[in-house]
Amino acid sequence: MKTRLPRFVDCICLKGYSSVFPRRLKKRLLIAVGILAGFQVHGQGTVNFSNIGLNAPVIDALTCTPAVGGTTFSVALYWAPVDPLNPSVQPSPAAFRQQGASTYVGGLVNGTYLSPGLYVGGTVTVPGINPPGGMGWFQVKAWESAYGNYYEGAVASGGQTGVSNIIKLGTTGDPTVTPATSPVRLTGISPILIPVLIGFPPCVPEPSALVLAFCGAAMLLFSAWRHRKN
């Protein structure tokens, strides 16, 4: 003969289980959220988003001069993670995502406009870099500001755009330590030609007056030498 607990005992047990189970589930959810938050906080790297001193200006390809300052052109920093199994393999263009806010080329910084072709976007924190201060692939993209706040929107709208080369930084700044290490410069980044002209030769900087004078003097000496020889 089977023994059955009284109904009131059965109800008390179910009530106790129903009150304990949500507490356990809530505790596990809080632990999971804490772990994810820990990954977010600790997986970071910082970069100095600027081309000052890097000989990498934004160039107007129609005039072969540094892009006009003000609000005409915008730039943004893009990042893609390094594959730990293939750290030397450059990721596809689709893997890059904008990091931080965009900034103007030749924009206003601390009350003063930058020289044409230069940009300063400040320190950009990349949350996806792991371990903190680790490696990352980077690229800078430029576009006409009138065509939107993002590079992708300018491309879709037919605005003038351009991109730098893709570089890999072996380290980035680590904001998780005390004191934090300094943001890393974009060493190796290339100039940006905007717009990209398909089928046209790249811009060649005009020679300086000193170079022209030297070449002219050399031609005169060579001509005098040939005349004397003949």
Protein backbone atom coordinates (compact mmCIF):
# COMPACT_ATOMS: atom_id res chain seq x y z
CA MET A 1 0.00 0.00 0.00
CA LYS A 2 1.41 3.37 -1.03
CA THR A 3 1.72 6.06 1.57
CA ARG A 4 0.63 9.53 0.50
CA LEU A 5 1.52 12.70 2.34
CA PRO A 6 -1.32 14.83 3.53
CA ARG A 7 -2.37 17.51 1.11
CA PHE A 8 -1.37 20.40 3.34
CA VAL A 9 2.17 18.98 3.59
CA ASP A 10 2.30 18.65 -0.19
CA CYS A 11 1.30 22.28 -0.62
CA ILE A 12 3.90 23.50 1.86
CA CYS A 13 6.65 21.63 -0.02
CA LEU A 14 5.59 23.02 -3.38
CA LYS A 15 5.40 26.49 -1.93
CA GLY A 16 8.87 26.18 -0.46
CA TYR A 17 10.29 24.88 -3.75
CA SER A 18 8.65 27.64 -5.75
CA SER A 19 10.17 30.28 -3.47
CA VAL A 20 13.66 28.73 -3.45
CA PHE A 21 13.90 28.10 -7.21
CA PRO A 22 13.52 31.74 -8.30
CA ARG A 23 16.12 32.79 -5.77
CA ARG A 24 18.60 30.25 -7.14
CA LEU A 25 17.83 31.26 -10.71
CA LYS A 26 18.23 34.93 -9.87
CA LYS A 27 21.55 34.24 -8.18
CA ARG A 28 22.84 32.35 -11.22
CA LEU A 29 21.71 35.14 -13.55
CA LEU A 30 23.51 37.71 -11.42
CA ILE A 31 26.68 35.63 -11.52
CA ALA A 32 26.45 35.30 -15.31
CA VAL A 33 25.88 39.05 -15.72
CA GLY A 34 28.84 39.74 -13.45
CA ILE A 35 31.09 37.49 -15.52
CA LEU A 36 30.03 39.17 -18.76
CA ALA A 37 30.54 42.59 -17.21
CA GLY A 38 33.98 41.51 -16.11
CA PHE A 39 34.88 40.54 -19.67
CA GLN A 40 33.60 43.92 -20.88
CA VAL A 41 35.60 45.88 -18.31
CA HIS A 42 38.84 43.93 -18.60
CA GLY A 43 38.87 43.45 -22.38
CA GLN A 44 39.95 46.93 -23.43
CA GLY A 45 42.66 48.79 -25.28
CA THR A 46 43.22 52.50 -25.97
CA VAL A 47 44.50 54.24 -29.09
CA ASN A 48 45.50 57.85 -29.77
CA PHE A 49 43.26 58.69 -32.73
CA SER A 50 45.39 61.35 -34.44
CA ASN A 51 47.65 61.68 -37.47
CA ILE A 52 49.76 64.55 -36.13
CA GLY A 53 53.44 63.75 -36.54
CA LEU A 54 52.75 60.61 -38.60
CA ASN A 55 53.15 62.10 -42.10
CA ALA A 56 49.74 60.71 -43.02
CA PRO A 57 47.45 63.61 -43.97
CA VAL A 58 44.05 63.42 -45.58
CA ILE A 59 44.65 64.59 -49.17
CA ASP A 60 42.19 66.05 -51.65
CA ALA A 61 42.90 63.88 -54.68
CA LEU A 62 41.41 66.47 -57.05
CA THR A 63 43.99 69.11 -56.10
CA CYS A 64 46.74 66.92 -54.56
CA THR A 65 46.78 69.20 -51.51
CA PRO A 66 45.85 68.52 -47.86
CA ALA A 67 42.09 68.32 -47.45
CA VAL A 68 40.49 71.62 -46.47
CA GLY A 69 39.93 72.10 -42.76
CA GLY A 70 36.69 72.91 -40.94
CA THR A 71 33.69 70.59 -41.28
CA THR A 72 33.99 69.50 -44.92
CA PHE A 73 35.50 66.06 -44.24
CA SER A 74 35.12 63.63 -41.36
CA VAL A 75 37.23 60.67 -40.26
CA ALA A 76 36.62 57.74 -37.93
CA LEU A 77 38.75 54.96 -36.46
CA TYR A 78 37.91 51.37 -37.36
CA TRP A 79 39.05 48.19 -35.59
CA ALA A 80 38.98 44.43 -36.20
CA PRO A 81 40.12 41.72 -33.77
CA VAL A 82 43.26 39.67 -34.29
CA ASP A 83 42.67 35.97 -34.88
CA PRO A 84 44.80 34.24 -32.19
CA LEU A 85 45.23 31.22 -34.46
CA ASN A 86 46.31 33.34 -37.44
CA PRO A 87 47.59 36.61 -35.98
CA SER A 88 49.37 37.65 -39.18
CA VAL A 89 46.33 37.17 -41.44
CA GLN A 90 44.66 40.48 -42.22
CA PRO A 91 40.88 40.36 -41.64
CA SER A 92 38.35 41.09 -44.37
CA PRO A 93 37.06 44.68 -44.74
CA ALA A 94 33.67 43.54 -43.43
CA ALA A 95 35.24 42.68 -40.06
CA PHE A 96 36.06 46.30 -39.24
CA ARG A 97 33.76 48.32 -36.98
CA GLN A 98 33.86 52.00 -36.08
CA GLN A 99 35.26 52.73 -32.63
CA GLY A 100 34.38 55.95 -30.85
CA ALA A 101 33.01 59.11 -32.40
CA SER A 102 34.08 60.63 -35.71
CA THR A 103 35.99 63.90 -35.91
CA TYR A 104 36.53 66.60 -38.51
CA VAL A 105 39.62 66.95 -40.67
CA GLY A 106 41.26 70.26 -39.76
CA GLY A 107 38.64 70.68 -37.07
CA LEU A 108 38.52 72.87 -33.99
CA VAL A 109 40.67 71.58 -31.10
CA ASN A 110 41.03 73.57 -27.88
CA GLY A 111 39.82 76.72 -29.60
CA THR A 112 42.23 76.45 -32.55
CA TYR A 113 41.66 74.99 -36.00
CA LEU A 114 44.07 72.27 -37.06
CA SER A 115 46.06 72.55 -40.26
CA PRO A 116 44.40 71.13 -43.39
CA GLY A 117 44.70 67.37 -43.66
CA LEU A 118 45.17 66.77 -39.93
CA TYR A 119 42.77 65.21 -37.44
CA VAL A 120 42.67 64.70 -33.68
CA GLY A 121 39.98 62.44 -32.26
CA GLY A 122 41.48 61.99 -28.80
CA THR A 123 41.76 58.71 -26.93
CA VAL A 124 39.54 55.94 -28.29
CA THR A 125 38.78 52.96 -26.05
CA VAL A 126 38.24 49.68 -27.90
CA PRO A 127 36.20 47.37 -25.64
CA GLY A 128 36.80 44.22 -27.69
CA ILE A 129 40.58 43.99 -27.22
CA ASN A 130 41.48 41.01 -25.06
CA PRO A 131 43.74 40.69 -23.12
CA PRO A 132 43.76 44.33 -22.00
CA GLY A 133 46.27 46.36 -23.97
CA GLY A 134 46.58 43.61 -26.56
CA MET A 135 46.84 43.58 -30.36
CA GLY A 136 44.40 44.90 -32.93
CA TRP A 137 43.94 45.72 -36.61
CA PHE A 138 43.16 49.38 -37.37
CA GLN A 139 42.13 51.58 -40.28
CA VAL A 140 41.01 55.19 -40.68
CA LYS A 141 38.14 56.05 -43.04
CA ALA A 142 37.25 59.51 -44.38
CA TRP A 143 34.16 60.92 -46.05
CA GLU A 144 32.32 64.11 -46.96
CA SER A 145 30.52 65.30 -43.85
CA ALA A 146 27.56 66.53 -45.90
CA TYR A 147 26.67 62.92 -46.70
CA GLY A 148 26.10 61.80 -43.13
CA ASN A 149 27.71 61.04 -39.80
CA TYR A 150 29.10 57.66 -40.86
CA TYR A 151 31.39 56.38 -43.59
CA GLU A 152 28.92 53.67 -44.65
CA GLY A 153 26.16 56.25 -45.12
CA ALA A 154 28.40 58.43 -47.26
CA VAL A 155 29.30 55.44 -49.45
CA ALA A 156 25.62 54.56 -49.89
CA SER A 157 24.75 58.17 -50.74
CA GLY A 158 27.50 58.58 -53.30
CA GLY A 159 29.66 60.99 -51.32
CA GLN A 160 33.42 61.30 -51.66
CA THR A 161 35.22 58.76 -49.50
CA GLY A 162 38.68 57.36 -48.88
CA VAL A 163 40.48 54.95 -46.57
CA SER A 164 43.96 54.47 -45.15
CA ASN A 165 45.95 51.29 -45.22
CA ILE A 166 45.31 48.61 -42.60
CA ILE A 167 47.84 48.35 -39.78
CA LYS A 168 48.29 45.95 -36.88
CA LEU A 169 49.30 47.39 -33.55
CA GLY A 170 51.18 44.89 -31.41
CA THR A 171 50.02 46.59 -28.23
CA THR A 172 47.47 49.18 -27.17
CA GLY A 173 47.07 51.22 -24.02
CA ASP A 174 45.75 49.33 -21.00
CA PRO A 175 43.12 51.29 -19.03
CA THR A 176 42.52 48.45 -16.54
CA VAL A 177 45.79 48.84 -14.62
CA THR A 178 46.78 51.56 -12.16
CA PRO A 179 48.20 53.77 -13.44
CA ALA A 180 46.79 53.14 -16.91
CA THR A 181 49.31 52.83 -19.73
CA SER A 182 49.29 55.52 -22.42
CA PRO A 183 47.18 55.17 -25.58
CA VAL A 184 49.21 53.90 -28.53
CA ARG A 185 49.77 56.03 -31.64
CA LEU A 186 48.67 54.86 -35.09
CA THR A 187 52.24 54.29 -36.23
CA GLY A 188 52.35 53.08 -39.83
CA ILE A 189 49.00 54.54 -40.88
CA SER A 190 49.05 55.91 -44.44
CA PRO A 191 47.70 59.13 -45.98
CA ILE A 192 44.12 59.07 -47.18
CA LEU A 193 43.25 60.13 -50.73
CA ILE A 194 39.70 61.46 -51.04
CA PRO A 195 38.01 60.76 -53.36
CA VAL A 196 39.50 57.54 -54.69
CA LEU A 197 40.03 58.12 -58.41
CA ILE A 198 39.90 54.89 -60.39
CA GLY A 199 42.17 54.86 -63.44
CA PHE A 200 44.06 58.02 -62.51
CA PRO A 201 47.66 58.21 -61.30
CA PRO A 202 48.13 58.98 -57.60
CA CYS A 203 48.99 62.46 -56.42
CA VAL A 204 52.66 63.37 -56.74
CA PRO A 205 53.78 66.21 -54.43
CA GLU A 206 55.05 69.28 -56.23
CA PRO A 207 58.83 69.70 -55.96
CA SER A 208 60.08 72.50 -53.77
CA ALA A 209 61.79 75.63 -55.18
CA LEU A 210 65.14 74.40 -53.86
CA VAL A 211 64.79 71.10 -55.72
CA LEU A 212 63.82 72.91 -58.92
CA ALA A 213 66.81 75.25 -58.60
CA PHE A 214 69.15 72.29 -58.05
CA CYS A 215 67.79 70.45 -61.09
CA GLY A 216 68.11 73.59 -63.23
CA ALA A 217 71.72 74.10 -62.18
CA ALA A 218 72.51 70.46 -62.91
CA MET A 219 71.00 70.75 -66.40
CA LEU A 220 73.05 73.87 -67.13
CA LEU A 221 76.30 72.20 -66.02
CA PHE A 222 75.52 69.12 -68.08
CA SER A 223 74.76 71.26 -71.14
CA ALA A 224 78.00 73.24 -70.71
CA TRP A 225 80.00 70.00 -70.33
CA ARG A 226 78.54 68.53 -73.54
CA HIS A 227 79.16 71.79 -75.44
CA ARG A 228 82.79 71.88 -74.28
CA LYS A 229 83.26 68.21 -75.16
CA ASN A 230 81.99 68.72 -78.67
